[in-house]
PDB file of N, CA and C in Angstrom:
ATOM      1  N   UNK A   1      88.083  89.475  79.715  1.00  0.00           N
ATOM      2  CA  UNK A   1      89.155  88.948  80.514  1.00  0.00           C
ATOM      3  C   UNK A   1      88.554  88.083  81.623  1.00  0.00           C
ATOM      4  N   UNK A   2      89.142  86.959  81.860  1.00  0.00           N
ATOM      5  CA  UNK A   2      88.709  86.072  82.928  1.00  0.00           C
ATOM      6  C   UNK A   2      89.526  86.375  84.178  1.00  0.00           C
ATOM      7  N   UNK A   3      88.842  86.598  85.282  1.00  0.00           N
ATOM      8  CA  UNK A   3      89.538  86.846  86.550  1.00  0.00           C
ATOM      9  C   UNK A   3      90.116  85.534  87.063  1.00  0.00           C
ATOM     10  N   UNK A   4      91.360  85.588  87.563  1.00  0.00           N
ATOM     11  CA  UNK A   4      92.044  84.408  88.079  1.00  0.00           C
ATOM     12  C   UNK A   4      92.602  84.711  89.466  1.00  0.00           C
ATOM     13  N   UNK A   5      92.760  83.685  90.308  1.00  0.00           N
ATOM     14  CA  UNK A   5      93.364  83.911  91.624  1.00  0.00           C
ATOM     15  C   UNK A   5      94.713  84.626  91.486  1.00  0.00           C
ATOM     16  N   UNK A   6      94.951  85.577  92.379  1.00  0.00           N
ATOM     17  CA  UNK A   6      96.173  86.374  92.346  1.00  0.00           C
ATOM     18  C   UNK A   6      95.959  87.744  91.727  1.00  0.00           C
ATOM     19  N   UNK A   7      94.805  87.961  91.098  1.00  0.00           N
ATOM     20  CA  UNK A   7      94.510  89.259  90.485  1.00  0.00           C
ATOM     21  C   UNK A   7      93.847  90.191  91.504  1.00  0.00           C
ATOM     22  N   UNK A   8      94.098  91.474  91.355  1.00  0.00           N
ATOM     23  CA  UNK A   8      93.454  92.500  92.174  1.00  0.00           C
ATOM     24  C   UNK A   8      92.714  93.452  91.240  1.00  0.00           C
ATOM     25  N   UNK A   9      91.632  94.033  91.754  1.00  0.00           N
ATOM     26  CA  UNK A   9      90.899  95.005  90.952  1.00  0.00           C
ATOM     27  C   UNK A   9      90.175  95.981  91.870  1.00  0.00           C
ATOM     28  N   UNK A  10      89.861  97.148  91.317  1.00  0.00           N
ATOM     29  CA  UNK A  10      89.117  98.173  92.045  1.00  0.00           C
ATOM     30  C   UNK A  10      87.714  98.261  91.475  1.00  0.00           C
ATOM     31  N   UNK A  11      86.741  98.334  92.351  1.00  0.00           N
ATOM     32  CA  UNK A  11      85.346  98.552  91.973  1.00  0.00           C
ATOM     33  C   UNK A  11      85.059 100.010  92.300  1.00  0.00           C
ATOM     34  N   UNK A  12      84.773 100.829  91.267  1.00  0.00           N
ATOM     35  CA  UNK A  12      84.682 102.276  91.429  1.00  0.00           C
ATOM     36  C   UNK A  12      83.396 102.854  90.838  1.00  0.00           C
ATOM     37  N   UNK A  13      82.244 102.561  91.426  1.00  0.00           N
ATOM     38  CA  UNK A  13      81.019 103.162  90.879  1.00  0.00           C
ATOM     39  C   UNK A  13      81.012 104.675  91.091  1.00  0.00           C
ATOM     40  N   UNK A  14      80.613 105.416  90.060  1.00  0.00           N
ATOM     41  CA  UNK A  14      80.577 106.883  90.111  1.00  0.00           C
ATOM     42  C   UNK A  14      79.235 107.379  89.574  1.00  0.00           C
ATOM     43  N   UNK A  15      78.820 108.536  90.055  1.00  0.00           N
ATOM     44  CA  UNK A  15      77.647 109.230  89.522  1.00  0.00           C
ATOM     45  C   UNK A  15      78.113 110.630  89.158  1.00  0.00           C
ATOM     46  N   UNK A  16      77.793 111.079  87.948  1.00  0.00           N
ATOM     47  CA  UNK A  16      78.187 112.413  87.481  1.00  0.00           C
ATOM     48  C   UNK A  16      76.948 113.291  87.393  1.00  0.00           C
ATOM     49  N   UNK A  17      77.021 114.463  88.009  1.00  0.00           N
ATOM     50  CA  UNK A  17      75.941 115.442  87.961  1.00  0.00           C
ATOM     51  C   UNK A  17      76.392 116.572  87.039  1.00  0.00           C
ATOM     52  N   UNK A  18      75.758 116.670  85.884  1.00  0.00           N
ATOM     53  CA  UNK A  18      76.153 117.662  84.875  1.00  0.00           C
ATOM     54  C   UNK A  18      76.222 119.059  85.477  1.00  0.00           C
ATOM     55  N   UNK A  19      77.342 119.727  85.278  1.00  0.00           N
ATOM     56  CA  UNK A  19      77.525 121.078  85.776  1.00  0.00           C
ATOM     57  C   UNK A  19      77.816 121.175  87.268  1.00  0.00           C
ATOM     58  N   UNK A  20      77.783 120.050  87.978  1.00  0.00           N
ATOM     59  CA  UNK A  20      77.992 120.054  89.429  1.00  0.00           C
ATOM     60  C   UNK A  20      79.265 119.324  89.838  1.00  0.00           C
ATOM     61  N   UNK A  21      79.494 118.152  89.249  1.00  0.00           N
ATOM     62  CA  UNK A  21      80.664 117.357  89.617  1.00  0.00           C
ATOM     63  C   UNK A  21      80.309 115.883  89.677  1.00  0.00           C
ATOM     64  N   UNK A  22      81.185 115.120  90.307  1.00  0.00           N
ATOM     65  CA  UNK A  22      80.997 113.669  90.382  1.00  0.00           C
ATOM     66  C   UNK A  22      81.190 113.202  91.822  1.00  0.00           C
ATOM     67  N   UNK A  23      80.599 112.077  92.116  1.00  0.00           N
ATOM     68  CA  UNK A  23      80.743 111.459  93.429  1.00  0.00           C
ATOM     69  C   UNK A  23      80.889 109.958  93.228  1.00  0.00           C
ATOM     70  N   UNK A  24      81.676 109.325  94.070  1.00  0.00           N
ATOM     71  CA  UNK A  24      81.844 107.886  93.932  1.00  0.00           C
ATOM     72  C   UNK A  24      82.604 107.302  95.102  1.00  0.00           C
ATOM     73  N   UNK A  25      82.710 105.996  95.090  1.00  0.00           N
ATOM     74  CA  UNK A  25      83.483 105.282  96.095  1.00  0.00           C
ATOM     75  C   UNK A  25      84.452 104.357  95.370  1.00  0.00           C
ATOM     76  N   UNK A  26      85.429 103.866  96.085  1.00  0.00           N
ATOM     77  CA  UNK A  26      86.359 102.904  95.497  1.00  0.00           C
ATOM     78  C   UNK A  26      86.726 101.876  96.547  1.00  0.00           C
ATOM     79  N   UNK A  27      86.563 100.630  96.215  1.00  0.00           N
ATOM     80  CA  UNK A  27      87.003  99.529  97.056  1.00  0.00           C
ATOM     81  C   UNK A  27      87.856  98.595  96.212  1.00  0.00           C
ATOM     82  N   UNK A  28      88.956  98.113  96.790  1.00  0.00           N
ATOM     83  CA  UNK A  28      89.884  97.245  96.081  1.00  0.00           C
ATOM     84  C   UNK A  28      89.773  95.821  96.625  1.00  0.00           C
ATOM     85  N   UNK A  29      89.800  94.858  95.712  1.00  0.00           N
ATOM     86  CA  UNK A  29      89.641  93.447  96.064  1.00  0.00           C
ATOM     87  C   UNK A  29      90.787  92.625  95.492  1.00  0.00           C
ATOM     88  N   UNK A  30      91.066  91.506  96.145  1.00  0.00           N
ATOM     89  CA  UNK A  30      92.075  90.547  95.711  1.00  0.00           C
ATOM     90  C   UNK A  30      91.379  89.203  95.573  1.00  0.00           C
ATOM     91  N   UNK A  31      91.563  88.544  94.447  1.00  0.00           N
ATOM     92  CA  UNK A  31      90.910  87.259  94.202  1.00  0.00           C
ATOM     93  C   UNK A  31      91.823  86.123  94.652  1.00  0.00           C
ATOM     94  N   UNK A  32      91.362  85.333  95.617  1.00  0.00           N
ATOM     95  CA  UNK A  32      92.117  84.187  96.120  1.00  0.00           C
ATOM     96  C   UNK A  32      91.497  82.905  95.577  1.00  0.00           C
ATOM     97  N   UNK A  33      92.103  81.790  95.864  1.00  0.00           N
ATOM     98  CA  UNK A  33      91.551  80.487  95.466  1.00  0.00           C
ATOM     99  C   UNK A  33      90.172  80.258  96.086  1.00  0.00           C
ATOM    100  N   UNK A  34      89.947  80.848  97.281  1.00  0.00           N
ATOM    101  CA  UNK A  34      88.682  80.623  97.986  1.00  0.00           C
ATOM    102  C   UNK A  34      87.681  81.758  97.818  1.00  0.00           C
ATOM    103  N   UNK A  35      88.004  82.781  97.030  1.00  0.00           N
ATOM    104  CA  UNK A  35      87.063  83.875  96.788  1.00  0.00           C
ATOM    105  C   UNK A  35      87.711  85.238  96.919  1.00  0.00           C
ATOM    106  N   UNK A  36      86.861  86.269  97.075  1.00  0.00           N
ATOM    107  CA  UNK A  36      87.354  87.643  97.150  1.00  0.00           C
ATOM    108  C   UNK A  36      87.794  88.023  98.554  1.00  0.00           C
ATOM    109  N   UNK A  37      88.867  88.806  98.620  1.00  0.00           N
ATOM    110  CA  UNK A  37      89.312  89.407  99.867  1.00  0.00           C
ATOM    111  C   UNK A  37      89.271  90.911  99.656  1.00  0.00           C
ATOM    112  N   UNK A  38      88.499  91.615 100.474  1.00  0.00           N
ATOM    113  CA  UNK A  38      88.398  93.068 100.344  1.00  0.00           C
ATOM    114  C   UNK A  38      89.623  93.707 100.988  1.00  0.00           C
ATOM    115  N   UNK A  39      90.320  94.582 100.249  1.00  0.00           N
ATOM    116  CA  UNK A  39      91.543  95.207 100.736  1.00  0.00           C
ATOM    117  C   UNK A  39      91.323  96.605 101.305  1.00  0.00           C
ATOM    118  N   UNK A  40      90.308  97.316 100.811  1.00  0.00           N
ATOM    119  CA  UNK A  40      89.989  98.647 101.330  1.00  0.00           C
ATOM    120  C   UNK A  40      88.544  98.648 101.793  1.00  0.00           C
ATOM    121  N   UNK A  41      88.244  99.550 102.676  1.00  0.00           N
ATOM    122  CA  UNK A  41      86.896  99.597 103.247  1.00  0.00           C
ATOM    123  C   UNK A  41      86.389 101.034 103.254  1.00  0.00           C
ATOM    124  N   UNK A  42      86.042 101.542 102.071  1.00  0.00           N
ATOM    125  CA  UNK A  42      85.499 102.894 101.953  1.00  0.00           C
ATOM    126  C   UNK A  42      84.094 102.925 102.523  1.00  0.00           C
ATOM    127  N   UNK A  43      83.790 103.984 103.212  1.00  0.00           N
ATOM    128  CA  UNK A  43      82.432 104.158 103.726  1.00  0.00           C
ATOM    129  C   UNK A  43      81.479 104.345 102.552  1.00  0.00           C
ATOM    130  N   UNK A  44      80.328 103.724 102.621  1.00  0.00           N
ATOM    131  CA  UNK A  44      79.327 103.874 101.562  1.00  0.00           C
ATOM    132  C   UNK A  44      78.219 104.822 101.996  1.00  0.00           C
ATOM    133  N   UNK A  45      78.444 105.523 103.126  1.00  0.00           N
ATOM    134  CA  UNK A  45      77.491 106.481 103.632  1.00  0.00           C
ATOM    135  C   UNK A  45      77.626 107.792 102.874  1.00  0.00           C
ATOM    136  N   UNK A  46      76.516 108.401 102.505  1.00  0.00           N
ATOM    137  CA  UNK A  46      76.522 109.680 101.802  1.00  0.00           C
ATOM    138  C   UNK A  46      76.914 110.796 102.769  1.00  0.00           C
ATOM    139  N   UNK A  47      77.933 111.567 102.386  1.00  0.00           N
ATOM    140  CA  UNK A  47      78.393 112.702 103.180  1.00  0.00           C
ATOM    141  C   UNK A  47      78.297 113.956 102.322  1.00  0.00           C
ATOM    142  N   UNK A  48      77.591 114.946 102.801  1.00  0.00           N
ATOM    143  CA  UNK A  48      77.458 116.208 102.069  1.00  0.00           C
ATOM    144  C   UNK A  48      78.440 117.200 102.652  1.00  0.00           C
ATOM    145  N   UNK A  49      79.314 117.725 101.791  1.00  0.00           N
ATOM    146  CA  UNK A  49      80.333 118.679 102.242  1.00  0.00           C
ATOM    147  C   UNK A  49      79.893 120.104 102.014  1.00  0.00           C
TER     148      UNK A  49
END
């Protein structure tokens, strides 16, 4: 699929640890005529709960 202005998409990299669970972030972007506009701003800092 070719991305075109007016489209939005989420970038959701994840890492899965077998038997432990998964961790990831999600940021959403909107494609304009002049480039990407970031709509969400998830922290990319590792937080251990």
